[in-house]
Amino acid sequence: QNLEKLMAGKTVIAIAHRLSTIAHLDRLVVIDQGRIVEQGTHDELLEMGGIYSDLWARQSGGFIAADR
């Protein structure tokens, strides 16, 4: 909550291993082996069924709602 307040109205580059930390951000960029392989909102990335979607499923175990 404090981070959200601090980041409001700013461009932020955030690197996270825990996807729930960044799922609410406006735009997510997935980098694999030094290359951008996916980008979009949390929902768009889940719909793509790619790396982000796979990682989200593994981390959430089906228990974390996509809309936080």
PDB file of N, CA and C in Angstrom:
ATOM      1  N   GLN A   1       0.830  -1.187   0.000  1.00  0.00           N
ATOM      2  CA  GLN A   1       0.000   0.000   0.000  1.00  0.00           C
ATOM      3  C   GLN A   1       0.877   1.255   0.000  1.00  0.00           C
ATOM      4  N   ASN A   2       1.899   1.287   0.819  1.00  0.00           N
ATOM      5  CA  ASN A   2       2.799   2.434   0.833  1.00  0.00           C
ATOM      6  C   ASN A   2       3.534   2.575  -0.492  1.00  0.00           C
ATOM      7  N   LEU A   3       3.942   1.438  -1.074  1.00  0.00           N
ATOM      8  CA  LEU A   3       4.613   1.473  -2.373  1.00  0.00           C
ATOM      9  C   LEU A   3       3.687   2.026  -3.446  1.00  0.00           C
ATOM     10  N   GLU A   4       2.436   1.626  -3.420  1.00  0.00           N
ATOM     11  CA  GLU A   4       1.475   2.113  -4.409  1.00  0.00           C
ATOM     12  C   GLU A   4       1.337   3.623  -4.315  1.00  0.00           C
ATOM     13  N   LYS A   5       1.305   4.140  -3.110  1.00  0.00           N
ATOM     14  CA  LYS A   5       1.213   5.577  -2.883  1.00  0.00           C
ATOM     15  C   LYS A   5       2.448   6.284  -3.441  1.00  0.00           C
ATOM     16  N   LEU A   6       3.600   5.739  -3.161  1.00  0.00           N
ATOM     17  CA  LEU A   6       4.868   6.311  -3.599  1.00  0.00           C
ATOM     18  C   LEU A   6       4.998   6.304  -5.124  1.00  0.00           C
ATOM     19  N   MET A   7       4.479   5.261  -5.774  1.00  0.00           N
ATOM     20  CA  MET A   7       4.618   5.111  -7.223  1.00  0.00           C
ATOM     21  C   MET A   7       3.531   5.831  -8.019  1.00  0.00           C
ATOM     22  N   ALA A   8       2.481   6.283  -7.373  1.00  0.00           N
ATOM     23  CA  ALA A   8       1.349   6.905  -8.068  1.00  0.00           C
ATOM     24  C   ALA A   8       1.799   8.069  -8.945  1.00  0.00           C
ATOM     25  N   GLY A   9       1.386   8.051 -10.211  1.00  0.00           N
ATOM     26  CA  GLY A   9       1.686   9.129 -11.138  1.00  0.00           C
ATOM     27  C   GLY A   9       3.110   9.164 -11.656  1.00  0.00           C
ATOM     28  N   LYS A  10       3.859   8.103 -11.421  1.00  0.00           N
ATOM     29  CA  LYS A  10       5.264   8.062 -11.837  1.00  0.00           C
ATOM     30  C   LYS A  10       5.522   6.869 -12.746  1.00  0.00           C
ATOM     31  N   THR A  11       6.584   6.977 -13.539  1.00  0.00           N
ATOM     32  CA  THR A  11       7.065   5.834 -14.302  1.00  0.00           C
ATOM     33  C   THR A  11       8.007   5.064 -13.394  1.00  0.00           C
ATOM     34  N   VAL A  12       7.736   3.786 -13.216  1.00  0.00           N
ATOM     35  CA  VAL A  12       8.516   2.962 -12.292  1.00  0.00           C
ATOM     36  C   VAL A  12       9.013   1.722 -13.020  1.00  0.00           C
ATOM     37  N   ILE A  13      10.272   1.416 -12.848  1.00  0.00           N
ATOM     38  CA  ILE A  13      10.804   0.147 -13.332  1.00  0.00           C
ATOM     39  C   ILE A  13      10.980  -0.721 -12.099  1.00  0.00           C
ATOM     40  N   ALA A  14      10.177  -1.766 -12.017  1.00  0.00           N
ATOM     41  CA  ALA A  14      10.205  -2.656 -10.857  1.00  0.00           C
ATOM     42  C   ALA A  14      10.583  -4.055 -11.313  1.00  0.00           C
ATOM     43  N   ILE A  15      11.477  -4.668 -10.582  1.00  0.00           N
ATOM     44  CA  ILE A  15      11.876  -6.045 -10.865  1.00  0.00           C
ATOM     45  C   ILE A  15      11.389  -6.878  -9.694  1.00  0.00           C
ATOM     46  N   ALA A  16      10.644  -7.930  -9.995  1.00  0.00           N
ATOM     47  CA  ALA A  16      10.062  -8.713  -8.909  1.00  0.00           C
ATOM     48  C   ALA A  16      10.053 -10.196  -9.239  1.00  0.00           C
ATOM     49  N   HIS A  17      10.283 -10.983  -8.233  1.00  0.00           N
ATOM     50  CA  HIS A  17      10.141 -12.430  -8.367  1.00  0.00           C
ATOM     51  C   HIS A  17       8.746 -12.846  -7.920  1.00  0.00           C
ATOM     52  N   ARG A  18       8.158 -12.076  -7.017  1.00  0.00           N
ATOM     53  CA  ARG A  18       6.800 -12.365  -6.560  1.00  0.00           C
ATOM     54  C   ARG A  18       5.844 -11.529  -7.407  1.00  0.00           C
ATOM     55  N   LEU A  19       5.151 -12.173  -8.322  1.00  0.00           N
ATOM     56  CA  LEU A  19       4.332 -11.478  -9.304  1.00  0.00           C
ATOM     57  C   LEU A  19       3.169 -10.715  -8.689  1.00  0.00           C
ATOM     58  N   SER A  20       2.675 -11.154  -7.546  1.00  0.00           N
ATOM     59  CA  SER A  20       1.564 -10.442  -6.912  1.00  0.00           C
ATOM     60  C   SER A  20       1.971  -9.020  -6.534  1.00  0.00           C
ATOM     61  N   THR A  21       3.264  -8.779  -6.386  1.00  0.00           N
ATOM     62  CA  THR A  21       3.774  -7.446  -6.058  1.00  0.00           C
ATOM     63  C   THR A  21       3.576  -6.473  -7.216  1.00  0.00           C
ATOM     64  N   ILE A  22       3.614  -6.963  -8.441  1.00  0.00           N
ATOM     65  CA  ILE A  22       3.564  -6.080  -9.611  1.00  0.00           C
ATOM     66  C   ILE A  22       2.310  -6.253 -10.471  1.00  0.00           C
ATOM     67  N   ALA A  23       1.452  -7.194 -10.135  1.00  0.00           N
ATOM     68  CA  ALA A  23       0.293  -7.518 -10.979  1.00  0.00           C
ATOM     69  C   ALA A  23      -0.617  -6.318 -11.231  1.00  0.00           C
ATOM     70  N   HIS A  24      -0.676  -5.381 -10.316  1.00  0.00           N
ATOM     71  CA  HIS A  24      -1.576  -4.230 -10.447  1.00  0.00           C
ATOM     72  C   HIS A  24      -1.006  -3.086 -11.291  1.00  0.00           C
ATOM     73  N   LEU A  25       0.251  -3.182 -11.691  1.00  0.00           N
ATOM     74  CA  LEU A  25       0.867  -2.100 -12.457  1.00  0.00           C
ATOM     75  C   LEU A  25       0.250  -1.988 -13.853  1.00  0.00           C
ATOM     76  N   ASP A  26       0.374  -0.813 -14.464  1.00  0.00           N
ATOM     77  CA  ASP A  26      -0.263  -0.534 -15.758  1.00  0.00           C
ATOM     78  C   ASP A  26       0.282  -1.373 -16.901  1.00  0.00           C
ATOM     79  N   ARG A  27       1.581  -1.620 -16.894  1.00  0.00           N
ATOM     80  CA  ARG A  27       2.213  -2.351 -17.996  1.00  0.00           C
ATOM     81  C   ARG A  27       3.316  -3.228 -17.432  1.00  0.00           C
ATOM     82  N   LEU A  28       3.301  -4.481 -17.830  1.00  0.00           N
ATOM     83  CA  LEU A  28       4.314  -5.435 -17.393  1.00  0.00           C
ATOM     84  C   LEU A  28       5.114  -5.888 -18.604  1.00  0.00           C
ATOM     85  N   VAL A  29       6.412  -6.044 -18.407  1.00  0.00           N
ATOM     86  CA  VAL A  29       7.296  -6.502 -19.473  1.00  0.00           C
ATOM     87  C   VAL A  29       8.005  -7.749 -18.967  1.00  0.00           C
ATOM     88  N   VAL A  30       7.913  -8.827 -19.732  1.00  0.00           N
ATOM     89  CA  VAL A  30       8.557 -10.088 -19.359  1.00  0.00           C
ATOM     90  C   VAL A  30       9.826 -10.228 -20.190  1.00  0.00           C
ATOM     91  N   ILE A  31      10.945 -10.411 -19.502  1.00  0.00           N
ATOM     92  CA  ILE A  31      12.236 -10.569 -20.172  1.00  0.00           C
ATOM     93  C   ILE A  31      12.727 -11.987 -19.925  1.00  0.00           C
ATOM     94  N   ASP A  32      13.110 -12.664 -20.991  1.00  0.00           N
ATOM     95  CA  ASP A  32      13.650 -14.022 -20.894  1.00  0.00           C
ATOM     96  C   ASP A  32      14.956 -14.066 -21.671  1.00  0.00           C
ATOM     97  N   GLN A  33      16.000 -14.462 -21.015  1.00  0.00           N
ATOM     98  CA  GLN A  33      17.333 -14.544 -21.618  1.00  0.00           C
ATOM     99  C   GLN A  33      17.728 -13.234 -22.301  1.00  0.00           C
ATOM    100  N   GLY A  34      17.435 -12.120 -21.622  1.00  0.00           N
ATOM    101  CA  GLY A  34      17.846 -10.808 -22.102  1.00  0.00           C
ATOM    102  C   GLY A  34      16.976 -10.189 -23.177  1.00  0.00           C
ATOM    103  N   ARG A  35      15.875 -10.841 -23.528  1.00  0.00           N
ATOM    104  CA  ARG A  35      14.990 -10.320 -24.581  1.00  0.00           C
ATOM    105  C   ARG A  35      13.569 -10.136 -24.048  1.00  0.00           C
ATOM    106  N   ILE A  36      12.917  -9.084 -24.524  1.00  0.00           N
ATOM    107  CA  ILE A  36      11.511  -8.880 -24.181  1.00  0.00           C
ATOM    108  C   ILE A  36      10.698  -9.907 -24.953  1.00  0.00           C
ATOM    109  N   VAL A  37       9.973 -10.751 -24.220  1.00  0.00           N
ATOM    110  CA  VAL A  37       9.195 -11.810 -24.864  1.00  0.00           C
ATOM    111  C   VAL A  37       7.686 -11.605 -24.727  1.00  0.00           C
ATOM    112  N   GLU A  38       7.264 -10.807 -23.758  1.00  0.00           N
ATOM    113  CA  GLU A  38       5.843 -10.526 -23.565  1.00  0.00           C
ATOM    114  C   GLU A  38       5.710  -9.155 -22.928  1.00  0.00           C
ATOM    115  N   GLN A  39       4.603  -8.482 -23.216  1.00  0.00           N
ATOM    116  CA  GLN A  39       4.299  -7.245 -22.516  1.00  0.00           C
ATOM    117  C   GLN A  39       2.811  -6.982 -22.584  1.00  0.00           C
ATOM    118  N   GLY A  40       2.306  -6.326 -21.550  1.00  0.00           N
ATOM    119  CA  GLY A  40       0.892  -6.014 -21.479  1.00  0.00           C
ATOM    120  C   GLY A  40       0.464  -5.846 -20.039  1.00  0.00           C
ATOM    121  N   THR A  41      -0.842  -5.793 -19.836  1.00  0.00           N
ATOM    122  CA  THR A  41      -1.365  -5.746 -18.473  1.00  0.00           C
ATOM    123  C   THR A  41      -1.348  -7.161 -17.897  1.00  0.00           C
ATOM    124  N   HIS A  42      -1.610  -7.252 -16.615  1.00  0.00           N
ATOM    125  CA  HIS A  42      -1.676  -8.558 -15.961  1.00  0.00           C
ATOM    126  C   HIS A  42      -2.683  -9.462 -16.685  1.00  0.00           C
ATOM    127  N   ASP A  43      -3.880  -8.931 -16.933  1.00  0.00           N
ATOM    128  CA  ASP A  43      -4.927  -9.732 -17.583  1.00  0.00           C
ATOM    129  C   ASP A  43      -4.539 -10.142 -19.002  1.00  0.00           C
ATOM    130  N   GLU A  44      -3.935  -9.215 -19.745  1.00  0.00           N
ATOM    131  CA  GLU A  44      -3.507  -9.534 -21.108  1.00  0.00           C
ATOM    132  C   GLU A  44      -2.456 -10.641 -21.109  1.00  0.00           C
ATOM    133  N   LEU A  45      -1.522 -10.563 -20.180  1.00  0.00           N
ATOM    134  CA  LEU A  45      -0.472 -11.578 -20.111  1.00  0.00           C
ATOM    135  C   LEU A  45      -1.034 -12.937 -19.712  1.00  0.00           C
ATOM    136  N   LEU A  46      -2.019 -12.946 -18.823  1.00  0.00           N
ATOM    137  CA  LEU A  46      -2.653 -14.219 -18.460  1.00  0.00           C
ATOM    138  C   LEU A  46      -3.360 -14.826 -19.669  1.00  0.00           C
ATOM    139  N   GLU A  47      -4.037 -13.982 -20.458  1.00  0.00           N
ATOM    140  CA  GLU A  47      -4.751 -14.463 -21.648  1.00  0.00           C
ATOM    141  C   GLU A  47      -3.804 -15.031 -22.699  1.00  0.00           C
ATOM    142  N   MET A  48      -2.581 -14.498 -22.767  1.00  0.00           N
ATOM    143  CA  MET A  48      -1.595 -14.978 -23.748  1.00  0.00           C
ATOM    144  C   MET A  48      -1.189 -16.421 -23.488  1.00  0.00           C
ATOM    145  N   GLY A  49      -1.227 -16.828 -22.232  1.00  0.00           N
ATOM    146  CA  GLY A  49      -0.846 -18.195 -21.894  1.00  0.00           C
ATOM    147  C   GLY A  49       0.636 -18.477 -22.049  1.00  0.00           C
ATOM    148  N   GLY A  50       1.460 -17.449 -21.924  1.00  0.00           N
ATOM    149  CA  GLY A  50       2.906 -17.606 -22.086  1.00  0.00           C
ATOM    150  C   GLY A  50       3.645 -17.764 -20.766  1.00  0.00           C
ATOM    151  N   ILE A  51       4.853 -17.231 -20.734  1.00  0.00           N
ATOM    152  CA  ILE A  51       5.724 -17.355 -19.563  1.00  0.00           C
ATOM    153  C   ILE A  51       5.084 -16.745 -18.320  1.00  0.00           C
ATOM    154  N   TYR A  52       4.566 -15.517 -18.440  1.00  0.00           N
ATOM    155  CA  TYR A  52       3.967 -14.844 -17.286  1.00  0.00           C
ATOM    156  C   TYR A  52       2.811 -15.667 -16.732  1.00  0.00           C
ATOM    157  N   SER A  53       1.953 -16.128 -17.619  1.00  0.00           N
ATOM    158  CA  SER A  53       0.797 -16.928 -17.210  1.00  0.00           C
ATOM    159  C   SER A  53       1.227 -18.195 -16.474  1.00  0.00           C
ATOM    160  N   ASP A  54       2.248 -18.841 -16.990  1.00  0.00           N
ATOM    161  CA  ASP A  54       2.771 -20.055 -16.360  1.00  0.00           C
ATOM    162  C   ASP A  54       3.337 -19.752 -14.976  1.00  0.00           C
ATOM    163  N   LEU A  55       4.122 -18.693 -14.874  1.00  0.00           N
ATOM    164  CA  LEU A  55       4.695 -18.315 -13.580  1.00  0.00           C
ATOM    165  C   LEU A  55       3.608 -17.922 -12.589  1.00  0.00           C
ATOM    166  N   TRP A  56       2.584 -17.199 -13.061  1.00  0.00           N
ATOM    167  CA  TRP A  56       1.481 -16.790 -12.188  1.00  0.00           C
ATOM    168  C   TRP A  56       0.774 -18.025 -11.623  1.00  0.00           C
ATOM    169  N   ALA A  57       0.503 -18.992 -12.491  1.00  0.00           N
ATOM    170  CA  ALA A  57      -0.172 -20.223 -12.057  1.00  0.00           C
ATOM    171  C   ALA A  57       0.669 -20.973 -11.028  1.00  0.00           C
ATOM    172  N   ARG A  58       1.967 -21.030 -11.242  1.00  0.00           N
ATOM    173  CA  ARG A  58       2.850 -21.726 -10.301  1.00  0.00           C
ATOM    174  C   ARG A  58       2.920 -21.015  -8.959  1.00  0.00           C
ATOM    175  N   GLN A  59       3.001 -19.682  -9.000  1.00  0.00           N
ATOM    176  CA  GLN A  59       3.139 -18.929  -7.757  1.00  0.00           C
ATOM    177  C   GLN A  59       1.840 -18.845  -6.978  1.00  0.00           C
ATOM    178  N   SER A  60       0.736 -18.704  -7.680  1.00  0.00           N
ATOM    179  CA  SER A  60      -0.529 -18.515  -6.982  1.00  0.00           C
ATOM    180  C   SER A  60      -1.155 -19.831  -6.562  1.00  0.00           C
ATOM    181  N   GLY A  61      -0.807 -20.896  -7.234  1.00  0.00           N
ATOM    182  CA  GLY A  61      -1.409 -22.185  -6.914  1.00  0.00           C
ATOM    183  C   GLY A  61      -2.919 -22.140  -7.038  1.00  0.00           C
ATOM    184  N   GLY A  62      -3.424 -21.164  -7.813  1.00  0.00           N
ATOM    185  CA  GLY A  62      -4.866 -21.026  -7.997  1.00  0.00           C
ATOM    186  C   GLY A  62      -5.557 -20.285  -6.869  1.00  0.00           C
ATOM    187  N   PHE A  63      -4.779 -19.753  -5.900  1.00  0.00           N
ATOM    188  CA  PHE A  63      -5.388 -19.112  -4.738  1.00  0.00           C
ATOM    189  C   PHE A  63      -5.388 -17.593  -4.782  1.00  0.00           C
ATOM    190  N   ILE A  64      -4.582 -16.983  -5.653  1.00  0.00           N
ATOM    191  CA  ILE A  64      -4.521 -15.528  -5.718  1.00  0.00           C
ATOM    192  C   ILE A  64      -5.394 -15.067  -6.870  1.00  0.00           C
ATOM    193  N   ALA A  65      -6.353 -14.232  -6.587  1.00  0.00           N
ATOM    194  CA  ALA A  65      -7.232 -13.712  -7.638  1.00  0.00           C
ATOM    195  C   ALA A  65      -6.439 -12.811  -8.567  1.00  0.00           C
ATOM    196  N   ALA A  66      -6.763 -12.854  -9.836  1.00  0.00           N
ATOM    197  CA  ALA A  66      -6.040 -12.064 -10.832  1.00  0.00           C
ATOM    198  C   ALA A  66      -6.208 -10.572 -10.616  1.00  0.00           C
ATOM    199  N   ASP A  67      -7.305 -10.151  -9.979  1.00  0.00           N
ATOM    200  CA  ASP A  67      -7.535  -8.719  -9.777  1.00  0.00           C
ATOM    201  C   ASP A  67      -7.119  -8.240  -8.400  1.00  0.00           C
ATOM    202  N   ARG A  68      -6.316  -8.996  -7.703  1.00  0.00           N
ATOM    203  CA  ARG A  68      -5.802  -8.698  -6.370  1.00  0.00           C
ATOM    204  C   ARG A  68      -6.949  -8.604  -5.432  1.00  0.00           C
TER     205      ARG A  68
END
